[in-house]
N, C-alpha and C. Protein backbone atom coordinates (compact mmCIF):
# COMPACT_ATOMS: atom_id res chain seq x y z
N MET A 1 -2.62 -18.54 5.74
CA MET A 1 -1.44 -19.12 6.36
C MET A 1 -1.75 -20.45 7.03
N LEU A 2 -2.91 -20.49 7.70
CA LEU A 2 -3.26 -21.74 8.39
C LEU A 2 -3.55 -22.85 7.40
N LYS A 3 -4.18 -22.51 6.29
CA LYS A 3 -4.46 -23.52 5.26
C LYS A 3 -3.15 -24.07 4.70
N THR A 4 -2.20 -23.18 4.44
CA THR A 4 -0.90 -23.60 3.92
C THR A 4 -0.19 -24.48 4.93
N ALA A 5 -0.24 -24.10 6.21
CA ALA A 5 0.41 -24.91 7.26
C ALA A 5 -0.23 -26.29 7.35
N ALA A 6 -1.56 -26.36 7.29
CA ALA A 6 -2.25 -27.64 7.37
C ALA A 6 -1.90 -28.52 6.18
N GLU A 7 -1.84 -27.92 4.99
CA GLU A 7 -1.48 -28.69 3.79
C GLU A 7 -0.05 -29.20 3.87
N ALA A 8 0.87 -28.36 4.36
CA ALA A 8 2.27 -28.77 4.48
C ALA A 8 2.41 -29.92 5.48
N ALA A 9 1.69 -29.84 6.59
CA ALA A 9 1.73 -30.91 7.59
C ALA A 9 1.20 -32.20 7.00
N HIS A 10 0.10 -32.10 6.27
CA HIS A 10 -0.50 -33.29 5.65
C HIS A 10 0.47 -33.92 4.64
N GLN A 11 1.08 -33.07 3.80
CA GLN A 11 2.03 -33.57 2.80
C GLN A 11 3.26 -34.21 3.45
N ALA A 12 3.61 -33.73 4.65
CA ALA A 12 4.74 -34.30 5.37
C ALA A 12 4.37 -35.59 6.11
N GLY A 13 3.10 -35.98 6.02
CA GLY A 13 2.66 -37.20 6.66
C GLY A 13 2.30 -37.03 8.12
N LEU A 14 2.19 -35.80 8.58
CA LEU A 14 1.83 -35.56 9.99
C LEU A 14 0.31 -35.57 10.12
N ARG A 15 -0.21 -36.45 10.95
CA ARG A 15 -1.65 -36.58 11.11
C ARG A 15 -2.17 -35.98 12.42
N ASN A 16 -1.25 -35.53 13.27
CA ASN A 16 -1.67 -35.00 14.57
C ASN A 16 -1.57 -33.47 14.62
N VAL A 17 -1.61 -32.81 13.47
CA VAL A 17 -1.51 -31.36 13.40
C VAL A 17 -2.87 -30.75 13.08
N THR A 18 -3.28 -29.81 13.89
CA THR A 18 -4.50 -29.06 13.61
C THR A 18 -4.16 -27.57 13.61
N THR A 19 -4.97 -26.80 12.93
CA THR A 19 -4.79 -25.34 12.92
C THR A 19 -6.07 -24.69 13.42
N GLN A 20 -5.90 -23.53 14.02
CA GLN A 20 -7.05 -22.83 14.59
C GLN A 20 -6.76 -21.34 14.64
N VAL A 21 -7.72 -20.53 14.25
CA VAL A 21 -7.58 -19.08 14.36
C VAL A 21 -7.79 -18.69 15.82
N MET A 22 -6.81 -17.91 16.36
CA MET A 22 -6.91 -17.52 17.76
C MET A 22 -6.12 -16.24 17.96
N ASP A 23 -6.61 -15.37 18.80
CA ASP A 23 -5.93 -14.12 19.15
C ASP A 23 -4.82 -14.44 20.16
N ALA A 24 -3.59 -14.09 19.82
CA ALA A 24 -2.46 -14.39 20.71
C ALA A 24 -2.59 -13.68 22.05
N GLN A 25 -3.35 -12.60 22.08
CA GLN A 25 -3.54 -11.87 23.34
C GLN A 25 -4.55 -12.56 24.24
N ARG A 26 -5.29 -13.53 23.68
CA ARG A 26 -6.31 -14.25 24.44
C ARG A 26 -6.24 -15.74 24.14
N LEU A 27 -5.05 -16.29 24.17
CA LEU A 27 -4.86 -17.70 23.85
C LEU A 27 -5.73 -18.57 24.73
N ASP A 28 -6.42 -19.48 24.08
CA ASP A 28 -7.28 -20.42 24.80
C ASP A 28 -6.72 -21.82 24.56
N VAL A 29 -5.59 -22.09 25.21
CA VAL A 29 -4.94 -23.39 25.08
C VAL A 29 -4.59 -23.89 26.49
N VAL A 30 -4.32 -25.16 26.58
CA VAL A 30 -3.95 -25.76 27.86
C VAL A 30 -2.57 -25.22 28.26
N VAL A 31 -2.46 -24.79 29.51
CA VAL A 31 -1.20 -24.28 30.04
C VAL A 31 -0.14 -25.38 29.97
N GLU A 32 1.06 -25.00 29.62
CA GLU A 32 2.21 -25.91 29.52
C GLU A 32 1.93 -27.12 28.64
N SER A 33 1.37 -26.85 27.45
CA SER A 33 1.04 -27.96 26.55
C SER A 33 1.86 -27.97 25.26
N PHE A 34 2.74 -26.99 25.07
CA PHE A 34 3.52 -26.91 23.83
C PHE A 34 5.01 -27.02 24.13
N ASP A 35 5.72 -27.72 23.27
CA ASP A 35 7.18 -27.80 23.35
C ASP A 35 7.82 -26.55 22.77
N ALA A 36 7.17 -25.97 21.76
CA ALA A 36 7.71 -24.79 21.10
C ALA A 36 6.56 -23.96 20.53
N THR A 37 6.78 -22.68 20.44
CA THR A 37 5.82 -21.76 19.81
C THR A 37 6.59 -20.83 18.89
N ILE A 38 5.92 -20.36 17.84
CA ILE A 38 6.56 -19.44 16.89
C ILE A 38 5.60 -18.30 16.54
N SER A 39 6.18 -17.20 16.13
CA SER A 39 5.40 -16.08 15.62
C SER A 39 6.17 -15.50 14.44
N ARG A 40 5.50 -15.38 13.33
CA ARG A 40 6.14 -14.85 12.13
C ARG A 40 5.48 -13.54 11.74
N LEU A 41 6.19 -12.45 11.98
CA LEU A 41 5.76 -11.11 11.60
C LEU A 41 4.39 -10.75 12.18
N GLY A 42 4.19 -11.06 13.45
CA GLY A 42 2.93 -10.74 14.09
C GLY A 42 3.07 -9.96 15.39
N LEU A 43 4.13 -10.21 16.14
CA LEU A 43 4.26 -9.59 17.46
C LEU A 43 4.19 -8.07 17.42
N MET A 44 4.75 -7.46 16.38
CA MET A 44 4.82 -5.99 16.35
C MET A 44 3.45 -5.34 16.20
N PHE A 45 2.43 -6.12 15.89
CA PHE A 45 1.08 -5.58 15.73
C PHE A 45 0.20 -5.80 16.97
N MET A 46 0.74 -6.42 18.01
CA MET A 46 -0.05 -6.73 19.21
C MET A 46 -0.25 -5.48 20.06
N PRO A 47 -1.49 -5.02 20.23
CA PRO A 47 -1.72 -3.86 21.10
C PRO A 47 -1.27 -4.14 22.54
N ASP A 48 -1.46 -5.39 23.01
CA ASP A 48 -1.04 -5.77 24.35
C ASP A 48 0.09 -6.79 24.22
N LEU A 49 1.26 -6.32 23.82
CA LEU A 49 2.39 -7.24 23.61
C LEU A 49 2.79 -7.96 24.90
N PRO A 50 2.91 -7.28 26.03
CA PRO A 50 3.26 -8.02 27.25
C PRO A 50 2.25 -9.12 27.58
N GLY A 51 0.97 -8.84 27.40
CA GLY A 51 -0.05 -9.85 27.66
C GLY A 51 0.06 -11.03 26.71
N ALA A 52 0.30 -10.73 25.43
CA ALA A 52 0.43 -11.81 24.43
C ALA A 52 1.64 -12.67 24.75
N LEU A 53 2.78 -12.05 25.07
CA LEU A 53 3.98 -12.82 25.39
C LEU A 53 3.79 -13.66 26.66
N ALA A 54 3.08 -13.12 27.63
CA ALA A 54 2.81 -13.87 28.86
C ALA A 54 1.97 -15.11 28.55
N ARG A 55 0.98 -14.97 27.67
CA ARG A 55 0.13 -16.11 27.32
C ARG A 55 0.89 -17.14 26.49
N ILE A 56 1.72 -16.64 25.59
CA ILE A 56 2.54 -17.56 24.79
C ILE A 56 3.46 -18.35 25.71
N ARG A 57 4.10 -17.65 26.65
CA ARG A 57 5.01 -18.31 27.59
C ARG A 57 4.26 -19.34 28.45
N SER A 58 3.06 -19.00 28.89
CA SER A 58 2.31 -19.95 29.74
C SER A 58 1.89 -21.20 28.97
N ALA A 59 1.80 -21.09 27.65
CA ALA A 59 1.44 -22.26 26.84
C ALA A 59 2.60 -23.24 26.71
N LEU A 60 3.81 -22.77 26.98
CA LEU A 60 4.99 -23.62 26.84
C LEU A 60 5.23 -24.50 28.05
N LYS A 61 5.70 -25.71 27.78
CA LYS A 61 6.16 -26.58 28.86
C LYS A 61 7.46 -25.99 29.43
N PRO A 62 7.83 -26.31 30.66
CA PRO A 62 9.12 -25.86 31.18
C PRO A 62 10.24 -26.28 30.24
N GLY A 63 11.11 -25.36 29.92
CA GLY A 63 12.19 -25.63 28.97
C GLY A 63 11.78 -25.44 27.53
N GLY A 64 10.48 -25.15 27.28
CA GLY A 64 10.00 -24.93 25.93
C GLY A 64 10.60 -23.68 25.30
N ARG A 65 10.64 -23.67 23.98
CA ARG A 65 11.29 -22.57 23.26
C ARG A 65 10.27 -21.75 22.48
N PHE A 66 10.53 -20.46 22.42
CA PHE A 66 9.73 -19.53 21.62
C PHE A 66 10.65 -18.85 20.63
N ALA A 67 10.23 -18.78 19.37
CA ALA A 67 10.99 -18.09 18.33
C ALA A 67 10.03 -17.17 17.59
N ALA A 68 10.52 -15.98 17.28
CA ALA A 68 9.68 -15.01 16.58
C ALA A 68 10.51 -14.20 15.60
N ILE A 69 9.84 -13.79 14.53
CA ILE A 69 10.45 -12.91 13.53
C ILE A 69 9.66 -11.61 13.54
N VAL A 70 10.38 -10.48 13.57
CA VAL A 70 9.75 -9.16 13.46
C VAL A 70 10.51 -8.34 12.41
N THR A 71 9.86 -7.29 11.92
CA THR A 71 10.51 -6.47 10.90
C THR A 71 11.60 -5.60 11.52
N SER A 72 12.59 -5.34 10.72
CA SER A 72 13.70 -4.47 11.11
C SER A 72 13.49 -3.11 10.46
N SER A 73 14.00 -2.08 11.09
CA SER A 73 13.89 -0.74 10.51
C SER A 73 14.73 -0.60 9.25
N LYS A 74 15.56 -1.58 8.95
CA LYS A 74 16.38 -1.53 7.75
C LYS A 74 15.64 -2.06 6.52
N SER A 75 14.36 -2.35 6.64
CA SER A 75 13.57 -2.85 5.51
C SER A 75 12.95 -1.68 4.76
N ARG A 76 13.74 -1.04 3.90
CA ARG A 76 13.28 0.12 3.14
C ARG A 76 12.09 -0.22 2.24
N TYR A 77 12.05 -1.44 1.75
CA TYR A 77 10.96 -1.85 0.87
C TYR A 77 9.62 -1.78 1.57
N ILE A 78 9.61 -2.01 2.88
CA ILE A 78 8.38 -1.89 3.66
C ILE A 78 8.13 -0.44 4.04
N ALA A 79 9.18 0.26 4.47
CA ALA A 79 9.03 1.63 4.96
C ALA A 79 8.65 2.61 3.86
N LEU A 80 9.21 2.47 2.68
CA LEU A 80 9.03 3.44 1.60
C LEU A 80 7.55 3.66 1.24
N PRO A 81 6.78 2.63 0.96
CA PRO A 81 5.36 2.85 0.64
C PRO A 81 4.59 3.50 1.78
N LEU A 82 4.93 3.12 3.02
CA LEU A 82 4.26 3.70 4.18
C LEU A 82 4.55 5.20 4.30
N GLU A 83 5.81 5.57 4.07
CA GLU A 83 6.19 6.98 4.15
C GLU A 83 5.49 7.81 3.07
N ILE A 84 5.42 7.27 1.86
CA ILE A 84 4.75 7.97 0.77
C ILE A 84 3.26 8.11 1.05
N ALA A 85 2.64 7.04 1.55
CA ALA A 85 1.21 7.08 1.88
C ALA A 85 0.95 8.12 2.97
N CYS A 86 1.81 8.18 3.96
CA CYS A 86 1.66 9.19 5.04
C CYS A 86 1.70 10.60 4.47
N ARG A 87 2.66 10.85 3.61
CA ARG A 87 2.80 12.19 3.03
C ARG A 87 1.57 12.57 2.21
N HIS A 88 1.10 11.66 1.37
CA HIS A 88 -0.08 11.95 0.55
C HIS A 88 -1.34 12.14 1.40
N ALA A 89 -1.41 11.41 2.50
CA ALA A 89 -2.57 11.53 3.39
C ALA A 89 -2.43 12.73 4.34
N ARG A 90 -1.32 13.45 4.20
CA ARG A 90 -1.03 14.61 5.04
C ARG A 90 -1.04 14.24 6.52
N ARG A 91 -0.43 13.10 6.80
CA ARG A 91 -0.29 12.64 8.18
C ARG A 91 1.17 12.75 8.57
N PRO A 92 1.43 13.04 9.83
CA PRO A 92 2.83 13.15 10.26
C PRO A 92 3.52 11.79 10.20
N ALA A 93 4.82 11.81 10.04
CA ALA A 93 5.58 10.56 10.00
C ALA A 93 5.37 9.75 11.27
N SER A 94 5.04 10.43 12.36
CA SER A 94 4.80 9.72 13.62
C SER A 94 3.59 8.79 13.53
N ALA A 95 2.73 8.98 12.53
CA ALA A 95 1.58 8.08 12.34
C ALA A 95 2.05 6.64 12.10
N LEU A 96 3.26 6.50 11.55
CA LEU A 96 3.79 5.17 11.28
C LEU A 96 4.06 4.41 12.58
N ASP A 97 4.34 5.14 13.66
CA ASP A 97 4.58 4.47 14.94
C ASP A 97 3.35 3.71 15.41
N LYS A 98 2.17 4.20 15.06
CA LYS A 98 0.93 3.56 15.50
C LYS A 98 0.64 2.29 14.71
N ILE A 99 1.22 2.19 13.52
CA ILE A 99 0.99 1.01 12.69
C ILE A 99 1.71 -0.20 13.28
N GLY A 100 2.88 0.01 13.82
CA GLY A 100 3.56 -1.06 14.52
C GLY A 100 4.62 -1.82 13.76
N PHE A 101 4.72 -1.63 12.46
CA PHE A 101 5.69 -2.41 11.67
C PHE A 101 7.06 -2.44 12.33
N PHE A 102 7.51 -1.30 12.81
CA PHE A 102 8.87 -1.20 13.32
C PHE A 102 8.91 -1.01 14.84
N SER A 103 7.83 -1.36 15.52
CA SER A 103 7.74 -1.12 16.96
C SER A 103 8.74 -1.93 17.78
N LEU A 104 9.26 -3.02 17.25
CA LEU A 104 10.23 -3.84 17.98
C LEU A 104 11.63 -3.78 17.37
N SER A 105 11.85 -2.82 16.46
CA SER A 105 13.11 -2.82 15.71
C SER A 105 14.20 -1.95 16.34
N GLY A 106 13.86 -1.14 17.32
CA GLY A 106 14.88 -0.30 17.96
C GLY A 106 15.90 -1.15 18.71
N PRO A 107 17.10 -0.60 18.92
CA PRO A 107 18.15 -1.36 19.62
C PRO A 107 17.68 -1.86 20.99
N GLY A 108 17.71 -3.16 21.18
CA GLY A 108 17.38 -3.77 22.46
C GLY A 108 15.90 -3.89 22.77
N VAL A 109 15.01 -3.34 21.92
CA VAL A 109 13.58 -3.33 22.23
C VAL A 109 12.99 -4.75 22.21
N PHE A 110 13.28 -5.49 21.16
CA PHE A 110 12.74 -6.85 21.03
C PHE A 110 13.28 -7.74 22.14
N GLU A 111 14.57 -7.66 22.38
CA GLU A 111 15.19 -8.46 23.44
C GLU A 111 14.57 -8.14 24.80
N ALA A 112 14.36 -6.84 25.07
CA ALA A 112 13.76 -6.43 26.35
C ALA A 112 12.34 -6.97 26.49
N ALA A 113 11.57 -6.95 25.40
CA ALA A 113 10.19 -7.45 25.45
C ALA A 113 10.17 -8.93 25.84
N LEU A 114 11.06 -9.72 25.24
CA LEU A 114 11.12 -11.15 25.55
C LEU A 114 11.61 -11.40 26.97
N THR A 115 12.62 -10.66 27.38
CA THR A 115 13.17 -10.81 28.73
C THR A 115 12.14 -10.40 29.78
N ASN A 116 11.47 -9.26 29.55
CA ASN A 116 10.45 -8.79 30.50
C ASN A 116 9.27 -9.75 30.61
N ALA A 117 9.05 -10.55 29.58
CA ALA A 117 7.96 -11.53 29.61
C ALA A 117 8.36 -12.79 30.37
N GLY A 118 9.62 -12.85 30.81
CA GLY A 118 10.06 -13.99 31.60
C GLY A 118 10.84 -15.04 30.84
N PHE A 119 11.13 -14.79 29.56
CA PHE A 119 11.93 -15.76 28.80
C PHE A 119 13.39 -15.64 29.22
N SER A 120 14.10 -16.76 29.23
CA SER A 120 15.53 -16.77 29.55
C SER A 120 16.31 -17.13 28.30
N ASN A 121 17.62 -17.00 28.39
CA ASN A 121 18.51 -17.30 27.25
C ASN A 121 18.03 -16.60 25.98
N VAL A 122 17.63 -15.35 26.11
CA VAL A 122 17.09 -14.60 24.97
C VAL A 122 18.22 -14.15 24.05
N THR A 123 18.03 -14.41 22.77
CA THR A 123 18.94 -13.88 21.76
C THR A 123 18.10 -13.26 20.65
N VAL A 124 18.61 -12.18 20.08
CA VAL A 124 17.98 -11.54 18.93
C VAL A 124 19.07 -11.35 17.88
N GLN A 125 18.79 -11.80 16.69
CA GLN A 125 19.78 -11.73 15.62
C GLN A 125 19.16 -11.11 14.38
N ALA A 126 19.89 -10.19 13.75
CA ALA A 126 19.46 -9.61 12.48
C ALA A 126 19.79 -10.60 11.36
N VAL A 127 18.80 -10.86 10.50
CA VAL A 127 18.98 -11.80 9.40
C VAL A 127 18.61 -11.09 8.10
N PRO A 128 19.53 -11.07 7.14
CA PRO A 128 19.21 -10.41 5.87
C PRO A 128 18.14 -11.18 5.09
N THR A 129 17.33 -10.44 4.38
CA THR A 129 16.30 -11.04 3.53
C THR A 129 16.45 -10.53 2.11
N ARG A 130 15.89 -11.28 1.18
CA ARG A 130 15.92 -10.87 -0.22
C ARG A 130 14.62 -11.30 -0.86
N ARG A 131 14.02 -10.38 -1.60
CA ARG A 131 12.80 -10.68 -2.37
C ARG A 131 13.05 -10.31 -3.82
N TRP A 132 12.40 -11.07 -4.70
CA TRP A 132 12.56 -10.80 -6.13
C TRP A 132 11.18 -10.79 -6.78
N TYR A 133 10.98 -9.84 -7.68
CA TYR A 133 9.74 -9.73 -8.45
C TYR A 133 10.12 -9.54 -9.91
N PRO A 134 9.35 -10.15 -10.82
CA PRO A 134 9.68 -10.03 -12.24
C PRO A 134 9.60 -8.59 -12.76
N SER A 135 8.73 -7.77 -12.13
CA SER A 135 8.54 -6.41 -12.61
C SER A 135 8.16 -5.48 -11.45
N ARG A 136 8.21 -4.20 -11.75
CA ARG A 136 7.80 -3.20 -10.76
C ARG A 136 6.30 -3.34 -10.46
N ALA A 137 5.52 -3.68 -11.48
CA ALA A 137 4.08 -3.87 -11.28
C ALA A 137 3.82 -5.03 -10.31
N ASP A 138 4.61 -6.10 -10.42
CA ASP A 138 4.47 -7.24 -9.51
C ASP A 138 4.85 -6.84 -8.07
N ALA A 139 5.91 -6.04 -7.94
CA ALA A 139 6.33 -5.57 -6.62
C ALA A 139 5.24 -4.69 -6.00
N LEU A 140 4.64 -3.83 -6.82
CA LEU A 140 3.57 -2.96 -6.34
C LEU A 140 2.36 -3.79 -5.90
N GLN A 141 2.02 -4.79 -6.68
CA GLN A 141 0.88 -5.65 -6.32
C GLN A 141 1.15 -6.37 -5.00
N ASP A 142 2.39 -6.78 -4.78
CA ASP A 142 2.74 -7.41 -3.51
C ASP A 142 2.51 -6.45 -2.35
N ARG A 143 2.89 -5.20 -2.51
CA ARG A 143 2.67 -4.21 -1.44
C ARG A 143 1.19 -4.00 -1.20
N LYS A 144 0.39 -3.99 -2.26
CA LYS A 144 -1.06 -3.83 -2.10
C LYS A 144 -1.67 -5.02 -1.39
N ASN A 145 -1.17 -6.23 -1.70
CA ASN A 145 -1.73 -7.46 -1.12
C ASN A 145 -1.26 -7.71 0.30
N SER A 146 0.01 -7.41 0.58
CA SER A 146 0.56 -7.82 1.87
C SER A 146 0.79 -6.67 2.84
N CYS A 147 0.40 -5.48 2.45
CA CYS A 147 0.59 -4.33 3.35
C CYS A 147 -0.68 -3.46 3.33
N PRO A 148 -1.77 -3.97 3.91
CA PRO A 148 -3.03 -3.21 3.89
C PRO A 148 -2.92 -1.87 4.63
N GLU A 149 -1.90 -1.72 5.46
CA GLU A 149 -1.72 -0.47 6.19
C GLU A 149 -1.50 0.71 5.24
N VAL A 150 -0.90 0.47 4.09
CA VAL A 150 -0.71 1.55 3.11
C VAL A 150 -2.08 2.06 2.66
N GLY A 151 -2.97 1.14 2.31
CA GLY A 151 -4.32 1.52 1.90
C GLY A 151 -5.09 2.21 3.02
N GLU A 152 -4.89 1.74 4.25
CA GLU A 152 -5.57 2.36 5.39
C GLU A 152 -5.12 3.80 5.59
N LEU A 153 -3.82 4.05 5.40
CA LEU A 153 -3.32 5.41 5.52
C LEU A 153 -3.96 6.33 4.48
N MET A 154 -4.29 5.76 3.31
CA MET A 154 -4.83 6.57 2.22
C MET A 154 -6.36 6.50 2.14
N ALA A 155 -7.00 5.96 3.15
CA ALA A 155 -8.45 5.74 3.12
C ALA A 155 -9.25 7.03 2.90
N ASP A 156 -8.78 8.15 3.40
CA ASP A 156 -9.52 9.40 3.29
C ASP A 156 -9.23 10.17 2.00
N LEU A 157 -8.34 9.64 1.17
CA LEU A 157 -8.04 10.29 -0.11
C LEU A 157 -9.12 9.96 -1.13
N ASN A 158 -9.34 10.88 -2.07
CA ASN A 158 -10.26 10.56 -3.15
C ASN A 158 -9.54 9.65 -4.14
N ASP A 159 -10.27 9.13 -5.12
CA ASP A 159 -9.70 8.15 -6.06
C ASP A 159 -8.48 8.70 -6.79
N ALA A 160 -8.55 9.94 -7.25
CA ALA A 160 -7.44 10.54 -8.00
C ALA A 160 -6.21 10.69 -7.11
N GLU A 161 -6.41 11.13 -5.87
CA GLU A 161 -5.29 11.29 -4.94
C GLU A 161 -4.66 9.93 -4.61
N ARG A 162 -5.50 8.95 -4.41
CA ARG A 162 -5.01 7.60 -4.11
C ARG A 162 -4.22 7.04 -5.30
N GLU A 163 -4.72 7.27 -6.49
CA GLU A 163 -4.03 6.79 -7.70
C GLU A 163 -2.66 7.45 -7.84
N ARG A 164 -2.58 8.76 -7.53
CA ARG A 164 -1.29 9.47 -7.59
C ARG A 164 -0.32 8.90 -6.55
N ALA A 165 -0.83 8.59 -5.37
CA ALA A 165 0.04 8.03 -4.32
C ALA A 165 0.59 6.67 -4.75
N TRP A 166 -0.28 5.80 -5.27
CA TRP A 166 0.20 4.49 -5.72
C TRP A 166 1.18 4.63 -6.88
N ALA A 167 0.94 5.59 -7.76
CA ALA A 167 1.87 5.82 -8.88
C ALA A 167 3.24 6.25 -8.35
N GLU A 168 3.26 7.09 -7.32
CA GLU A 168 4.54 7.51 -6.74
C GLU A 168 5.24 6.34 -6.06
N ILE A 169 4.46 5.49 -5.40
CA ILE A 169 5.05 4.31 -4.76
C ILE A 169 5.67 3.40 -5.82
N GLU A 170 4.94 3.19 -6.92
CA GLU A 170 5.48 2.36 -8.00
C GLU A 170 6.74 2.97 -8.57
N GLN A 171 6.74 4.27 -8.76
CA GLN A 171 7.93 4.95 -9.30
C GLN A 171 9.10 4.81 -8.33
N ALA A 172 8.85 4.98 -7.04
CA ALA A 172 9.90 4.87 -6.04
C ALA A 172 10.50 3.47 -6.00
N MET A 173 9.70 2.47 -6.33
CA MET A 173 10.21 1.10 -6.35
C MET A 173 11.23 0.89 -7.46
N GLY A 174 11.28 1.84 -8.38
CA GLY A 174 12.27 1.78 -9.45
C GLY A 174 13.69 1.73 -8.93
N GLN A 175 13.92 2.27 -7.73
CA GLN A 175 15.27 2.24 -7.17
C GLN A 175 15.75 0.82 -6.89
N PHE A 176 14.82 -0.13 -6.81
CA PHE A 176 15.18 -1.52 -6.56
C PHE A 176 15.23 -2.34 -7.85
N GLU A 177 14.97 -1.69 -8.97
CA GLU A 177 14.85 -2.39 -10.25
C GLU A 177 16.20 -2.57 -10.91
N GLY A 178 16.40 -3.73 -11.50
CA GLY A 178 17.61 -4.04 -12.24
C GLY A 178 17.26 -4.79 -13.51
N SER A 179 18.25 -5.34 -14.13
CA SER A 179 18.03 -6.04 -15.40
C SER A 179 17.20 -7.31 -15.23
N ASN A 180 17.16 -7.86 -14.01
CA ASN A 180 16.41 -9.10 -13.76
C ASN A 180 15.10 -8.87 -13.03
N GLY A 181 14.61 -7.64 -13.02
CA GLY A 181 13.37 -7.33 -12.31
C GLY A 181 13.66 -6.51 -11.07
N VAL A 182 12.78 -6.62 -10.10
CA VAL A 182 12.92 -5.87 -8.85
C VAL A 182 13.48 -6.81 -7.79
N GLU A 183 14.65 -6.45 -7.28
CA GLU A 183 15.28 -7.24 -6.24
C GLU A 183 15.45 -6.37 -5.00
N VAL A 184 14.87 -6.82 -3.91
CA VAL A 184 14.81 -6.03 -2.70
C VAL A 184 15.55 -6.74 -1.58
N SER A 185 16.52 -6.06 -0.99
CA SER A 185 17.17 -6.64 0.18
C SER A 185 16.63 -5.93 1.41
N GLY A 186 16.55 -6.64 2.48
CA GLY A 186 16.03 -6.10 3.72
C GLY A 186 16.60 -6.87 4.89
N GLU A 187 15.86 -6.83 5.97
CA GLU A 187 16.34 -7.48 7.17
C GLU A 187 15.16 -7.76 8.10
N VAL A 188 15.23 -8.88 8.79
CA VAL A 188 14.29 -9.18 9.86
C VAL A 188 15.09 -9.45 11.12
N LEU A 189 14.42 -9.37 12.26
CA LEU A 189 15.04 -9.73 13.52
C LEU A 189 14.43 -11.04 14.00
N VAL A 190 15.27 -12.00 14.33
CA VAL A 190 14.81 -13.28 14.82
C VAL A 190 15.16 -13.36 16.30
N GLY A 191 14.13 -13.49 17.11
CA GLY A 191 14.31 -13.58 18.56
C GLY A 191 13.95 -14.96 19.07
N VAL A 192 14.72 -15.45 20.03
CA VAL A 192 14.50 -16.78 20.60
C VAL A 192 14.61 -16.67 22.12
N GLY A 193 13.74 -17.38 22.82
CA GLY A 193 13.81 -17.43 24.27
C GLY A 193 13.32 -18.76 24.78
N THR A 194 13.66 -19.07 26.02
CA THR A 194 13.30 -20.34 26.66
C THR A 194 12.46 -20.07 27.89
N LYS A 195 11.46 -20.92 28.13
CA LYS A 195 10.66 -20.78 29.35
C LYS A 195 11.44 -21.35 30.52
């Protein structure tokens, strides 16, 4: 992601943009040095979310804005493989709560997290999403590449059990398949706040 961001900045002619890997829970930046901060599909995985939000807020100049995207519980395309992996791994559905994908998706949860961190003028809006894949195999590969939590849930399975689980996930993705490939609709929550 950082490489892509750096390339996009360079192509846009921006020469004052740098990228750096850093833990949001331990930000090492100058206080009040940013006009805006963003987080894309990361906040829900923070073990210390209040600490991370406090550090993000401290990095903002007064009046600075923070915007973040988190997953919504209405994203069946994300939830389905996780549920199948849990069942095959003989883990309770509550194991999904520890993964964090949907930890900010409950009514008012995301808004409360931003407000409790000291952000003002907080708004959270549900935004529909759509993904398209040429085939079910492509959709399955996307889940393998972008959702390592599915593999982690199945880590204790033997090869045959793991193969059966992935086959069931691929079969379940058939519900999203149409004449033009696999088309998945979902939803994200976009939250915005001001320092």
